[in-house]
Amino acid sequence: MTDRRLVRSADLGDGCPVGESSAISETVDVMRRILFVIFAILIVAALSVYAVFARDMRAARAGLVGRSQTIETSVGTLEYAVIGEGEPMLVVHGAEGGFDQGIDMTGAMAGRGYRLIVPSRFGYLRSTMPNNPTTATQANAYVQLLDHLGIDKVVVVGISAGAWSSLQFAIRHPGRCRALVLLVPANYLPAGATIHGGAVVIAMVHSNFSPGHF
């Protein structure tokens, strides 16, 4: 009887049988190995995605070389491109690119009797970000660009987030605006409207989608 009690006491001395403790230790080791493998896979995947992104960005930048010019305005450097001949059309791009996006979306008009003037908005590509990057200031910069090119009136095409400065151009300089066309415009929020979705959504609604606005 005494020997059996001693054996049982030795087995349960730490509150856990020896065999069960060994199984738990092996399980922990397996879980660590699995987590390590998952972590390694995530690192490789992230590096692969970044490599593809970097390659695409290099190709995109190379494709922009020599396609645009710059002028100095009262609020800094403004990049622009001009393509086509005929009726002047000011094309204001959206949030997903600079002058290149404007050309991608309206370039076909250059072969249909229009001269496209396509600036990069504040903060995009080679256009600098002024201290006060409002849509009204951006509209005034468009006027300086037209003056530089010797153009009196233009048809204005505002794409997505470019609609806001296009509207300001038409409002502030009606004598320079022959017509206004808005493509999938980011419009002003009606007075009294309630915004749901938290701080991020509120910031997006009130943004003019220029780099640095947030």
N, C-alpha and C. Protein backbone atom coordinates (compact mmCIF):
# COMPACT_ATOMS: atom_id res chain seq x y z
N MET A 1 0.84 -1.20 0.00
CA MET A 1 0.00 0.00 0.00
C MET A 1 0.87 1.25 0.00
N THR A 2 1.91 1.26 0.78
CA THR A 2 2.79 2.44 0.86
C THR A 2 3.48 2.71 -0.47
N ASP A 3 3.94 1.63 -1.16
CA ASP A 3 4.64 1.80 -2.42
C ASP A 3 3.73 2.41 -3.48
N ARG A 4 2.48 1.97 -3.53
CA ARG A 4 1.54 2.50 -4.53
C ARG A 4 1.29 3.99 -4.30
N ARG A 5 1.16 4.41 -3.05
CA ARG A 5 0.94 5.81 -2.76
C ARG A 5 2.15 6.66 -3.18
N LEU A 6 3.34 6.12 -2.96
CA LEU A 6 4.53 6.87 -3.34
C LEU A 6 4.61 7.06 -4.85
N VAL A 7 4.27 5.99 -5.59
CA VAL A 7 4.28 6.09 -7.06
C VAL A 7 3.26 7.11 -7.53
N ARG A 8 2.05 7.05 -6.97
CA ARG A 8 0.99 7.99 -7.37
C ARG A 8 1.38 9.43 -7.04
N SER A 9 2.02 9.62 -5.88
CA SER A 9 2.47 10.95 -5.49
C SER A 9 3.52 11.48 -6.46
N ALA A 10 4.41 10.58 -6.90
CA ALA A 10 5.46 11.02 -7.84
C ALA A 10 4.87 11.39 -9.18
N ASP A 11 3.85 10.62 -9.65
CA ASP A 11 3.23 10.90 -10.94
C ASP A 11 2.49 12.23 -10.93
N LEU A 12 1.88 12.58 -9.80
CA LEU A 12 1.03 13.76 -9.75
C LEU A 12 1.68 14.91 -9.00
N GLY A 13 2.99 14.85 -8.86
CA GLY A 13 3.67 15.87 -8.07
C GLY A 13 3.47 17.28 -8.61
N ASP A 14 3.43 17.47 -9.93
CA ASP A 14 3.25 18.81 -10.49
C ASP A 14 1.84 19.04 -11.00
N GLY A 15 0.92 18.17 -10.65
CA GLY A 15 -0.47 18.34 -11.04
C GLY A 15 -0.78 17.86 -12.43
N CYS A 16 0.16 17.27 -13.16
CA CYS A 16 -0.06 16.84 -14.55
C CYS A 16 0.74 15.58 -14.81
N PRO A 17 0.12 14.50 -15.27
CA PRO A 17 0.86 13.27 -15.58
C PRO A 17 1.98 13.53 -16.56
N VAL A 18 3.04 12.76 -16.48
CA VAL A 18 4.21 12.94 -17.34
C VAL A 18 3.85 12.83 -18.82
N GLY A 19 3.04 11.85 -19.20
CA GLY A 19 2.67 11.65 -20.60
C GLY A 19 1.89 12.82 -21.16
N GLU A 20 0.96 13.34 -20.36
CA GLU A 20 0.14 14.48 -20.83
C GLU A 20 0.99 15.74 -20.99
N SER A 21 1.93 15.96 -20.08
CA SER A 21 2.82 17.12 -20.16
C SER A 21 3.66 17.06 -21.43
N SER A 22 4.13 15.88 -21.78
CA SER A 22 4.93 15.71 -22.99
C SER A 22 4.11 15.99 -24.24
N ALA A 23 2.84 15.56 -24.24
CA ALA A 23 1.96 15.79 -25.39
C ALA A 23 1.70 17.28 -25.58
N ILE A 24 1.48 18.01 -24.47
CA ILE A 24 1.25 19.46 -24.54
C ILE A 24 2.47 20.16 -25.11
N SER A 25 3.65 19.75 -24.65
CA SER A 25 4.89 20.36 -25.13
C SER A 25 5.06 20.15 -26.63
N GLU A 26 4.76 18.93 -27.11
CA GLU A 26 4.86 18.64 -28.54
C GLU A 26 3.86 19.48 -29.34
N THR A 27 2.65 19.64 -28.79
CA THR A 27 1.63 20.45 -29.48
C THR A 27 2.08 21.90 -29.60
N VAL A 28 2.65 22.44 -28.54
CA VAL A 28 3.16 23.82 -28.56
C VAL A 28 4.24 23.97 -29.61
N ASP A 29 5.15 23.00 -29.68
CA ASP A 29 6.23 23.04 -30.68
C ASP A 29 5.66 23.02 -32.10
N VAL A 30 4.64 22.18 -32.33
CA VAL A 30 4.03 22.11 -33.66
C VAL A 30 3.37 23.44 -34.01
N MET A 31 2.66 24.04 -33.04
CA MET A 31 2.01 25.33 -33.29
C MET A 31 3.02 26.41 -33.60
N ARG A 32 4.14 26.39 -32.92
CA ARG A 32 5.20 27.37 -33.20
C ARG A 32 5.73 27.21 -34.62
N ARG A 33 5.95 25.95 -35.03
CA ARG A 33 6.44 25.71 -36.39
C ARG A 33 5.42 26.19 -37.42
N ILE A 34 4.14 25.93 -37.17
CA ILE A 34 3.10 26.36 -38.11
C ILE A 34 3.07 27.87 -38.21
N LEU A 35 3.11 28.55 -37.07
CA LEU A 35 3.11 30.02 -37.07
C LEU A 35 4.33 30.58 -37.78
N PHE A 36 5.47 29.94 -37.58
CA PHE A 36 6.69 30.39 -38.26
C PHE A 36 6.55 30.26 -39.77
N VAL A 37 6.00 29.14 -40.23
CA VAL A 37 5.81 28.92 -41.67
C VAL A 37 4.84 29.94 -42.23
N ILE A 38 3.73 30.20 -41.51
CA ILE A 38 2.74 31.19 -41.97
C ILE A 38 3.40 32.57 -42.06
N PHE A 39 4.16 32.92 -41.03
CA PHE A 39 4.84 34.22 -41.01
C PHE A 39 5.81 34.35 -42.18
N ALA A 40 6.55 33.28 -42.45
CA ALA A 40 7.50 33.29 -43.57
C ALA A 40 6.78 33.45 -44.90
N ILE A 41 5.65 32.75 -45.05
CA ILE A 41 4.87 32.86 -46.29
C ILE A 41 4.37 34.29 -46.48
N LEU A 42 3.89 34.91 -45.39
CA LEU A 42 3.40 36.28 -45.47
C LEU A 42 4.50 37.26 -45.87
N ILE A 43 5.70 37.05 -45.33
CA ILE A 43 6.83 37.91 -45.68
C ILE A 43 7.17 37.77 -47.17
N VAL A 44 7.23 36.53 -47.64
CA VAL A 44 7.54 36.30 -49.06
C VAL A 44 6.47 36.91 -49.95
N ALA A 45 5.19 36.75 -49.56
CA ALA A 45 4.09 37.30 -50.35
C ALA A 45 4.17 38.82 -50.39
N ALA A 46 4.46 39.44 -49.23
CA ALA A 46 4.56 40.90 -49.17
C ALA A 46 5.71 41.41 -50.05
N LEU A 47 6.85 40.74 -49.98
CA LEU A 47 7.99 41.14 -50.80
C LEU A 47 7.69 40.97 -52.29
N SER A 48 6.96 39.92 -52.64
CA SER A 48 6.60 39.69 -54.04
C SER A 48 5.66 40.78 -54.54
N VAL A 49 4.67 41.13 -53.72
CA VAL A 49 3.72 42.18 -54.10
C VAL A 49 4.46 43.51 -54.27
N TYR A 50 5.36 43.80 -53.33
CA TYR A 50 6.12 45.06 -53.43
C TYR A 50 7.00 45.08 -54.68
N ALA A 51 7.60 43.95 -55.01
CA ALA A 51 8.45 43.88 -56.20
C ALA A 51 7.64 44.16 -57.46
N VAL A 52 6.43 43.59 -57.54
CA VAL A 52 5.56 43.84 -58.69
C VAL A 52 5.14 45.30 -58.73
N PHE A 53 4.78 45.85 -57.54
CA PHE A 53 4.38 47.25 -57.45
C PHE A 53 5.51 48.17 -57.90
N ALA A 54 6.72 47.92 -57.39
CA ALA A 54 7.87 48.75 -57.75
C ALA A 54 8.16 48.68 -59.25
N ARG A 55 8.03 47.49 -59.82
CA ARG A 55 8.25 47.33 -61.26
C ARG A 55 7.23 48.14 -62.05
N ASP A 56 5.96 48.04 -61.64
CA ASP A 56 4.90 48.77 -62.34
C ASP A 56 5.07 50.28 -62.21
N MET A 57 5.51 50.73 -61.02
CA MET A 57 5.73 52.17 -60.82
C MET A 57 6.87 52.68 -61.69
N ARG A 58 7.94 51.88 -61.81
CA ARG A 58 9.05 52.29 -62.69
C ARG A 58 8.59 52.39 -64.13
N ALA A 59 7.78 51.42 -64.55
CA ALA A 59 7.28 51.44 -65.92
C ALA A 59 6.36 52.64 -66.13
N ALA A 60 5.53 52.94 -65.13
CA ALA A 60 4.60 54.07 -65.25
C ALA A 60 5.36 55.39 -65.34
N ARG A 61 6.38 55.54 -64.48
CA ARG A 61 7.18 56.77 -64.51
C ARG A 61 7.91 56.91 -65.84
N ALA A 62 8.45 55.80 -66.33
CA ALA A 62 9.16 55.85 -67.61
C ALA A 62 8.22 56.26 -68.74
N GLY A 63 6.96 55.83 -68.64
CA GLY A 63 5.99 56.16 -69.67
C GLY A 63 5.57 57.61 -69.67
N LEU A 64 5.87 58.34 -68.58
CA LEU A 64 5.48 59.76 -68.48
C LEU A 64 6.57 60.70 -68.98
N VAL A 65 7.78 60.19 -69.08
CA VAL A 65 8.91 61.04 -69.45
C VAL A 65 8.70 61.65 -70.83
N GLY A 66 8.86 62.97 -70.91
CA GLY A 66 8.76 63.68 -72.18
C GLY A 66 7.35 63.96 -72.66
N ARG A 67 6.35 63.61 -71.87
CA ARG A 67 4.96 63.81 -72.31
C ARG A 67 4.34 65.09 -71.77
N SER A 68 5.05 65.81 -70.88
CA SER A 68 4.47 66.99 -70.26
C SER A 68 5.49 68.11 -70.13
N GLN A 69 4.98 69.29 -69.80
CA GLN A 69 5.82 70.46 -69.55
C GLN A 69 5.39 71.06 -68.22
N THR A 70 6.12 72.06 -67.75
CA THR A 70 5.74 72.75 -66.52
C THR A 70 5.83 74.26 -66.72
N ILE A 71 5.03 74.99 -65.96
CA ILE A 71 5.15 76.45 -65.88
C ILE A 71 5.15 76.83 -64.42
N GLU A 72 5.65 78.02 -64.14
CA GLU A 72 5.61 78.55 -62.78
C GLU A 72 4.44 79.50 -62.66
N THR A 73 3.53 79.19 -61.74
CA THR A 73 2.37 80.04 -61.48
C THR A 73 2.59 80.79 -60.17
N SER A 74 1.61 81.60 -59.79
CA SER A 74 1.72 82.36 -58.54
C SER A 74 1.67 81.46 -57.31
N VAL A 75 1.28 80.20 -57.49
CA VAL A 75 1.19 79.28 -56.35
C VAL A 75 2.12 78.08 -56.50
N GLY A 76 3.05 78.15 -57.46
CA GLY A 76 4.01 77.08 -57.61
C GLY A 76 4.03 76.48 -59.01
N THR A 77 4.71 75.34 -59.13
CA THR A 77 4.86 74.68 -60.42
C THR A 77 3.59 73.96 -60.82
N LEU A 78 3.19 74.12 -62.08
CA LEU A 78 2.02 73.43 -62.62
C LEU A 78 2.46 72.64 -63.84
N GLU A 79 2.23 71.35 -63.80
CA GLU A 79 2.55 70.47 -64.92
C GLU A 79 1.34 70.38 -65.85
N TYR A 80 1.63 70.23 -67.14
CA TYR A 80 0.52 70.10 -68.10
C TYR A 80 1.01 69.43 -69.37
N ALA A 81 0.06 68.91 -70.11
CA ALA A 81 0.34 68.34 -71.43
C ALA A 81 -0.66 68.93 -72.42
N VAL A 82 -0.25 69.03 -73.67
CA VAL A 82 -1.12 69.53 -74.73
C VAL A 82 -1.05 68.55 -75.89
N ILE A 83 -2.20 68.06 -76.33
CA ILE A 83 -2.24 67.17 -77.49
C ILE A 83 -3.42 67.55 -78.38
N GLY A 84 -3.26 67.33 -79.67
CA GLY A 84 -4.34 67.59 -80.62
C GLY A 84 -4.36 69.03 -81.12
N GLU A 85 -5.22 69.25 -82.08
CA GLU A 85 -5.41 70.58 -82.67
C GLU A 85 -6.90 70.85 -82.80
N GLY A 86 -7.28 72.13 -82.62
CA GLY A 86 -8.68 72.50 -82.81
C GLY A 86 -9.23 73.25 -81.61
N GLU A 87 -10.52 73.03 -81.32
CA GLU A 87 -11.19 73.68 -80.20
C GLU A 87 -10.50 73.33 -78.89
N PRO A 88 -10.07 74.36 -78.11
CA PRO A 88 -9.36 74.05 -76.87
C PRO A 88 -10.27 73.44 -75.81
N MET A 89 -9.79 72.40 -75.16
CA MET A 89 -10.55 71.71 -74.11
C MET A 89 -9.64 71.52 -72.90
N LEU A 90 -10.03 72.07 -71.76
CA LEU A 90 -9.29 71.89 -70.52
C LEU A 90 -9.81 70.64 -69.82
N VAL A 91 -8.94 69.67 -69.63
CA VAL A 91 -9.32 68.40 -69.03
C VAL A 91 -8.70 68.31 -67.62
N VAL A 92 -9.56 68.16 -66.62
CA VAL A 92 -9.11 68.12 -65.22
C VAL A 92 -9.30 66.70 -64.69
N HIS A 93 -8.20 66.04 -64.37
CA HIS A 93 -8.23 64.63 -63.99
C HIS A 93 -8.81 64.40 -62.60
N GLY A 94 -9.04 63.12 -62.28
CA GLY A 94 -9.58 62.73 -60.98
C GLY A 94 -8.49 62.40 -59.98
N ALA A 95 -8.82 61.48 -59.05
CA ALA A 95 -7.92 61.19 -57.93
C ALA A 95 -6.88 60.11 -58.23
N GLU A 96 -7.01 59.39 -59.34
CA GLU A 96 -6.17 58.22 -59.55
C GLU A 96 -5.00 58.45 -60.51
N GLY A 97 -4.66 59.70 -60.74
CA GLY A 97 -3.53 59.96 -61.63
C GLY A 97 -3.39 61.45 -61.87
N GLY A 98 -2.36 61.81 -62.63
CA GLY A 98 -2.16 63.20 -62.99
C GLY A 98 -2.67 63.45 -64.41
N PHE A 99 -1.89 64.25 -65.18
CA PHE A 99 -2.31 64.55 -66.55
C PHE A 99 -2.51 63.28 -67.36
N ASP A 100 -1.77 62.22 -67.00
CA ASP A 100 -1.87 60.97 -67.75
C ASP A 100 -3.27 60.36 -67.66
N GLN A 101 -3.91 60.47 -66.49
CA GLN A 101 -5.27 59.96 -66.37
C GLN A 101 -6.23 60.75 -67.24
N GLY A 102 -6.04 62.07 -67.26
CA GLY A 102 -6.89 62.90 -68.11
C GLY A 102 -6.77 62.52 -69.58
N ILE A 103 -5.53 62.26 -70.02
CA ILE A 103 -5.32 61.85 -71.41
C ILE A 103 -5.90 60.47 -71.67
N ASP A 104 -5.74 59.57 -70.71
CA ASP A 104 -6.28 58.21 -70.88
C ASP A 104 -7.79 58.24 -71.10
N MET A 105 -8.48 59.16 -70.42
CA MET A 105 -9.94 59.18 -70.46
C MET A 105 -10.50 60.03 -71.60
N THR A 106 -9.73 60.98 -72.09
CA THR A 106 -10.26 61.89 -73.12
C THR A 106 -9.38 61.98 -74.35
N GLY A 107 -8.29 61.22 -74.40
CA GLY A 107 -7.34 61.34 -75.50
C GLY A 107 -7.93 61.16 -76.88
N ALA A 108 -9.00 60.38 -76.99
CA ALA A 108 -9.62 60.16 -78.30
C ALA A 108 -10.14 61.46 -78.90
N MET A 109 -10.46 62.43 -78.04
CA MET A 109 -10.99 63.71 -78.53
C MET A 109 -9.94 64.51 -79.29
N ALA A 110 -8.65 64.20 -79.04
CA ALA A 110 -7.58 64.90 -79.76
C ALA A 110 -7.63 64.61 -81.24
N GLY A 111 -8.21 63.50 -81.63
CA GLY A 111 -8.33 63.16 -83.04
C GLY A 111 -9.66 63.57 -83.64
N ARG A 112 -10.45 64.32 -82.87
CA ARG A 112 -11.78 64.72 -83.34
C ARG A 112 -11.97 66.24 -83.30
N GLY A 113 -10.87 66.93 -83.53
CA GLY A 113 -10.97 68.38 -83.66
C GLY A 113 -10.84 69.15 -82.35
N TYR A 114 -10.22 68.56 -81.35
CA TYR A 114 -10.02 69.26 -80.07
C TYR A 114 -8.55 69.31 -79.71
N ARG A 115 -8.16 70.43 -79.11
CA ARG A 115 -6.82 70.59 -78.55
C ARG A 115 -6.95 70.42 -77.04
N LEU A 116 -6.40 69.34 -76.52
CA LEU A 116 -6.55 69.03 -75.11
C LEU A 116 -5.45 69.68 -74.29
N ILE A 117 -5.85 70.46 -73.29
CA ILE A 117 -4.92 71.04 -72.32
C ILE A 117 -5.17 70.30 -71.01
N VAL A 118 -4.18 69.52 -70.58
CA VAL A 118 -4.41 68.59 -69.46
C VAL A 118 -3.39 68.83 -68.35
N PRO A 119 -3.76 69.59 -67.33
CA PRO A 119 -2.83 69.83 -66.22
C PRO A 119 -2.86 68.70 -65.19
N SER A 120 -1.81 68.62 -64.40
CA SER A 120 -1.81 67.78 -63.20
C SER A 120 -2.21 68.67 -62.03
N ARG A 121 -3.23 68.25 -61.29
CA ARG A 121 -3.68 69.07 -60.18
C ARG A 121 -2.62 69.17 -59.09
N PHE A 122 -2.86 70.07 -58.13
CA PHE A 122 -1.91 70.30 -57.04
C PHE A 122 -1.47 68.98 -56.40
N GLY A 123 -0.15 68.78 -56.31
CA GLY A 123 0.39 67.62 -55.61
C GLY A 123 0.53 66.37 -56.46
N TYR A 124 0.02 66.39 -57.67
CA TYR A 124 0.11 65.21 -58.54
C TYR A 124 1.32 65.35 -59.47
N LEU A 125 2.09 64.24 -59.56
CA LEU A 125 3.25 64.17 -60.44
C LEU A 125 4.16 65.38 -60.22
N ARG A 126 4.36 66.21 -61.23
CA ARG A 126 5.31 67.31 -61.07
C ARG A 126 4.68 68.64 -60.66
N SER A 127 3.38 68.66 -60.41
CA SER A 127 2.74 69.88 -59.90
C SER A 127 2.96 69.96 -58.39
N THR A 128 3.39 71.10 -57.91
CA THR A 128 3.68 71.25 -56.48
C THR A 128 2.40 71.50 -55.68
N MET A 129 2.51 71.30 -54.38
CA MET A 129 1.39 71.54 -53.47
C MET A 129 1.58 72.90 -52.80
N PRO A 130 0.71 73.87 -53.07
CA PRO A 130 0.84 75.18 -52.45
C PRO A 130 0.43 75.15 -50.99
N ASN A 131 0.65 76.25 -50.30
CA ASN A 131 0.29 76.34 -48.89
C ASN A 131 -1.21 76.33 -48.67
N ASN A 132 -1.96 76.81 -49.65
CA ASN A 132 -3.41 76.87 -49.52
C ASN A 132 -4.06 76.18 -50.72
N PRO A 133 -4.07 74.85 -50.73
CA PRO A 133 -4.53 74.11 -51.92
C PRO A 133 -6.06 73.97 -52.00
N THR A 134 -6.74 75.10 -52.17
CA THR A 134 -8.20 75.04 -52.31
C THR A 134 -8.58 74.83 -53.77
N THR A 135 -9.82 74.44 -53.99
CA THR A 135 -10.28 74.26 -55.37
C THR A 135 -10.34 75.60 -56.10
N ALA A 136 -10.60 76.67 -55.37
CA ALA A 136 -10.62 78.00 -55.99
C ALA A 136 -9.21 78.40 -56.44
N THR A 137 -8.22 78.12 -55.59
CA THR A 137 -6.83 78.41 -55.96
C THR A 137 -6.42 77.59 -57.17
N GLN A 138 -6.86 76.34 -57.21
CA GLN A 138 -6.56 75.48 -58.36
C GLN A 138 -7.18 76.04 -59.63
N ALA A 139 -8.41 76.52 -59.53
CA ALA A 139 -9.09 77.11 -60.69
C ALA A 139 -8.34 78.34 -61.20
N ASN A 140 -7.84 79.13 -60.28
CA ASN A 140 -7.07 80.31 -60.69
C ASN A 140 -5.77 79.91 -61.40
N ALA A 141 -5.18 78.79 -60.96
CA ALA A 141 -3.97 78.30 -61.62
C ALA A 141 -4.27 77.86 -63.05
N TYR A 142 -5.47 77.30 -63.28
CA TYR A 142 -5.86 76.94 -64.65
C TYR A 142 -5.89 78.18 -65.55
N VAL A 143 -6.38 79.29 -65.01
CA VAL A 143 -6.44 80.54 -65.79
C VAL A 143 -5.03 80.98 -66.16
N GLN A 144 -4.09 80.87 -65.22
CA GLN A 144 -2.71 81.25 -65.52
C GLN A 144 -2.12 80.36 -66.61
N LEU A 145 -2.50 79.09 -66.59
CA LEU A 145 -2.03 78.17 -67.64
C LEU A 145 -2.59 78.59 -68.99
N LEU A 146 -3.87 78.91 -69.04
CA LEU A 146 -4.47 79.34 -70.30
C LEU A 146 -3.84 80.63 -70.80
N ASP A 147 -3.56 81.56 -69.88
CA ASP A 147 -2.89 82.80 -70.27
C ASP A 147 -1.51 82.50 -70.86
N HIS A 148 -0.80 81.57 -70.26
CA HIS A 148 0.52 81.18 -70.75
C HIS A 148 0.44 80.62 -72.17
N LEU A 149 -0.63 79.90 -72.45
CA LEU A 149 -0.80 79.28 -73.77
C LEU A 149 -1.50 80.20 -74.76
N GLY A 150 -1.92 81.36 -74.30
CA GLY A 150 -2.61 82.30 -75.19
C GLY A 150 -4.00 81.85 -75.57
N ILE A 151 -4.68 81.18 -74.67
CA ILE A 151 -6.02 80.65 -74.94
C ILE A 151 -7.04 81.47 -74.16
N ASP A 152 -8.08 81.92 -74.84
CA ASP A 152 -9.09 82.76 -74.20
C ASP A 152 -10.17 81.94 -73.50
N LYS A 153 -10.88 81.10 -74.30
CA LYS A 153 -11.98 80.31 -73.75
C LYS A 153 -11.76 78.82 -74.01
N VAL A 154 -12.28 78.00 -73.11
CA VAL A 154 -12.13 76.56 -73.25
C VAL A 154 -13.42 75.85 -72.87
N VAL A 155 -13.57 74.67 -73.45
CA VAL A 155 -14.55 73.71 -72.92
C VAL A 155 -13.85 73.01 -71.77
N VAL A 156 -14.50 72.94 -70.62
CA VAL A 156 -13.90 72.34 -69.43
C VAL A 156 -14.52 70.96 -69.18
N VAL A 157 -13.66 69.96 -69.04
CA VAL A 157 -14.11 68.61 -68.71
C VAL A 157 -13.51 68.23 -67.36
N GLY A 158 -14.37 68.07 -66.36
CA GLY A 158 -13.93 67.69 -65.02
C GLY A 158 -14.25 66.23 -64.75
N ILE A 159 -13.22 65.46 -64.43
CA ILE A 159 -13.38 64.02 -64.21
C ILE A 159 -13.34 63.71 -62.72
N SER A 160 -14.38 63.07 -62.21
CA SER A 160 -14.42 62.62 -60.81
C SER A 160 -14.07 63.77 -59.86
N ALA A 161 -12.99 63.61 -59.06
CA ALA A 161 -12.61 64.63 -58.09
C ALA A 161 -12.17 65.93 -58.76
N GLY A 162 -11.87 65.89 -60.05
CA GLY A 162 -11.53 67.10 -60.78
C GLY A 162 -12.73 68.00 -61.02
N ALA A 163 -13.93 67.49 -60.72
CA ALA A 163 -15.15 68.27 -60.93
C ALA A 163 -15.17 69.51 -60.05
N TRP A 164 -14.61 69.42 -58.83
CA TRP A 164 -14.73 70.54 -57.91
C TRP A 164 -13.97 71.77 -58.39
N SER A 165 -12.74 71.61 -58.81
CA SER A 165 -12.00 72.77 -59.32
C SER A 165 -12.54 73.20 -60.68
N SER A 166 -13.12 72.27 -61.44
CA SER A 166 -13.75 72.64 -62.71
C SER A 166 -14.97 73.52 -62.46
N LEU A 167 -15.76 73.17 -61.46
CA LEU A 167 -16.90 74.01 -61.10
C LEU A 167 -16.44 75.39 -60.64
N GLN A 168 -15.37 75.42 -59.86
CA GLN A 168 -14.85 76.71 -59.41
C GLN A 168 -14.35 77.56 -60.58
N PHE A 169 -13.78 76.91 -61.57
CA PHE A 169 -13.34 77.63 -62.76
C PHE A 169 -14.53 78.28 -63.46
N ALA A 170 -15.61 77.51 -63.63
CA ALA A 170 -16.80 78.04 -64.30
C ALA A 170 -17.45 79.15 -63.48
N ILE A 171 -17.44 79.02 -62.15
CA ILE A 171 -18.07 80.02 -61.28
C ILE A 171 -17.24 81.29 -61.21
N ARG A 172 -15.94 81.15 -61.05
CA ARG A 172 -15.07 82.30 -60.83
C ARG A 172 -14.63 82.97 -62.13
N HIS A 173 -14.62 82.20 -63.22
CA HIS A 173 -14.14 82.75 -64.50
C HIS A 173 -15.11 82.39 -65.63
N PRO A 174 -16.35 82.83 -65.54
CA PRO A 174 -17.35 82.44 -66.54
C PRO A 174 -17.00 82.90 -67.96
N GLY A 175 -16.25 84.00 -68.05
CA GLY A 175 -15.87 84.49 -69.36
C GLY A 175 -14.85 83.63 -70.07
N ARG A 176 -14.20 82.71 -69.31
CA ARG A 176 -13.19 81.83 -69.90
C ARG A 176 -13.74 80.43 -70.17
N CYS A 177 -14.98 80.19 -69.75
CA CYS A 177 -15.57 78.85 -69.83
C CYS A 177 -16.64 78.80 -70.92
N ARG A 178 -16.35 78.11 -72.02
CA ARG A 178 -17.32 77.99 -73.11
C ARG A 178 -18.40 76.97 -72.77
N ALA A 179 -18.01 75.90 -72.11
CA ALA A 179 -18.96 74.87 -71.69
C ALA A 179 -18.32 74.07 -70.57
N LEU A 180 -19.16 73.42 -69.74
CA LEU A 180 -18.67 72.62 -68.63
C LEU A 180 -19.27 71.22 -68.72
N VAL A 181 -18.38 70.22 -68.74
CA VAL A 181 -18.81 68.82 -68.80
C VAL A 181 -18.21 68.10 -67.59
N LEU A 182 -19.06 67.44 -66.80
CA LEU A 182 -18.60 66.71 -65.62
C LEU A 182 -18.81 65.22 -65.83
N LEU A 183 -17.71 64.45 -65.72
CA LEU A 183 -17.79 62.99 -65.89
C LEU A 183 -17.69 62.32 -64.52
N VAL A 184 -18.68 61.50 -64.19
CA VAL A 184 -18.79 60.85 -62.87
C VAL A 184 -18.27 61.78 -61.77
N PRO A 185 -18.90 62.95 -61.62
CA PRO A 185 -18.33 63.97 -60.73
C PRO A 185 -18.44 63.62 -59.26
N ALA A 186 -17.40 64.00 -58.52
CA ALA A 186 -17.47 64.01 -57.06
C ALA A 186 -18.13 65.32 -56.70
N ASN A 187 -19.36 65.28 -56.24
CA ASN A 187 -20.15 66.50 -56.08
C ASN A 187 -20.10 67.00 -54.64
N TYR A 188 -20.57 68.22 -54.44
CA TYR A 188 -20.65 68.79 -53.11
C TYR A 188 -21.75 68.11 -52.30
N LEU A 189 -21.53 68.00 -51.00
CA LEU A 189 -22.53 67.41 -50.11
C LEU A 189 -23.64 68.43 -49.87
N PRO A 190 -24.91 68.06 -50.08
CA PRO A 190 -26.00 69.01 -49.85
C PRO A 190 -26.02 69.51 -48.42
N ALA A 191 -26.40 70.77 -48.23
CA ALA A 191 -26.47 71.36 -46.89
C ALA A 191 -27.43 70.57 -46.02
N GLY A 192 -27.01 70.29 -44.79
CA GLY A 192 -27.87 69.58 -43.85
C GLY A 192 -27.79 68.07 -43.95
N ALA A 193 -27.03 67.55 -44.91
CA ALA A 193 -26.92 66.10 -45.06
C ALA A 193 -26.09 65.52 -43.92
N THR A 194 -26.45 64.32 -43.50
CA THR A 194 -25.75 63.64 -42.41
C THR A 194 -24.78 62.63 -42.98
N ILE A 195 -23.55 62.65 -42.45
CA ILE A 195 -22.52 61.74 -42.92
C ILE A 195 -22.38 60.60 -41.92
N HIS A 196 -22.45 59.37 -42.39
CA HIS A 196 -22.27 58.20 -41.54
C HIS A 196 -20.99 57.48 -41.95
N GLY A 197 -20.35 56.81 -40.99
CA GLY A 197 -19.19 56.02 -41.33
C GLY A 197 -17.93 56.40 -40.57
N GLY A 198 -18.00 57.41 -39.72
CA GLY A 198 -16.85 57.75 -38.89
C GLY A 198 -15.92 58.78 -39.52
N ALA A 199 -14.78 59.00 -38.84
CA ALA A 199 -13.85 60.07 -39.21
C ALA A 199 -13.27 59.89 -40.60
N VAL A 200 -12.97 58.64 -40.99
CA VAL A 200 -12.36 58.40 -42.31
C VAL A 200 -13.32 58.80 -43.42
N VAL A 201 -14.58 58.39 -43.32
CA VAL A 201 -15.57 58.72 -44.34
C VAL A 201 -15.81 60.22 -44.38
N ILE A 202 -15.88 60.86 -43.21
CA ILE A 202 -16.09 62.31 -43.17
C ILE A 202 -14.93 63.04 -43.86
N ALA A 203 -13.69 62.58 -43.60
CA ALA A 203 -12.53 63.20 -44.24
C ALA A 203 -12.58 63.02 -45.75
N MET A 204 -13.02 61.85 -46.22
CA MET A 204 -13.11 61.62 -47.66
C MET A 204 -14.17 62.50 -48.31
N VAL A 205 -15.30 62.66 -47.64
CA VAL A 205 -16.39 63.46 -48.21
C VAL A 205 -15.98 64.92 -48.34
N HIS A 206 -15.21 65.40 -47.37
CA HIS A 206 -14.81 66.81 -47.38
C HIS A 206 -13.49 67.05 -48.10
N SER A 207 -12.89 66.01 -48.65
CA SER A 207 -11.61 66.15 -49.33
C SER A 207 -11.79 66.52 -50.79
N ASN A 208 -10.79 67.23 -51.33
CA ASN A 208 -10.76 67.44 -52.78
C ASN A 208 -9.84 66.43 -53.45
N PHE A 209 -9.42 65.40 -52.68
CA PHE A 209 -8.63 64.27 -53.17
C PHE A 209 -7.32 64.68 -53.81
N SER A 210 -6.70 65.68 -53.25
CA SER A 210 -5.34 66.03 -53.67
C SER A 210 -4.37 65.48 -52.65
N PRO A 211 -3.16 65.05 -53.07
CA PRO A 211 -2.20 64.50 -52.12
C PRO A 211 -1.92 65.50 -51.01
N GLY A 212 -1.89 65.02 -49.78
CA GLY A 212 -1.60 65.89 -48.64
C GLY A 212 -2.82 66.54 -48.05
N HIS A 213 -4.00 66.38 -48.70
CA HIS A 213 -5.19 67.03 -48.20
C HIS A 213 -5.58 66.50 -46.83
N PHE A 214 -5.40 65.18 -46.62
CA PHE A 214 -5.78 64.57 -45.37
C PHE A 214 -4.82 64.93 -44.26
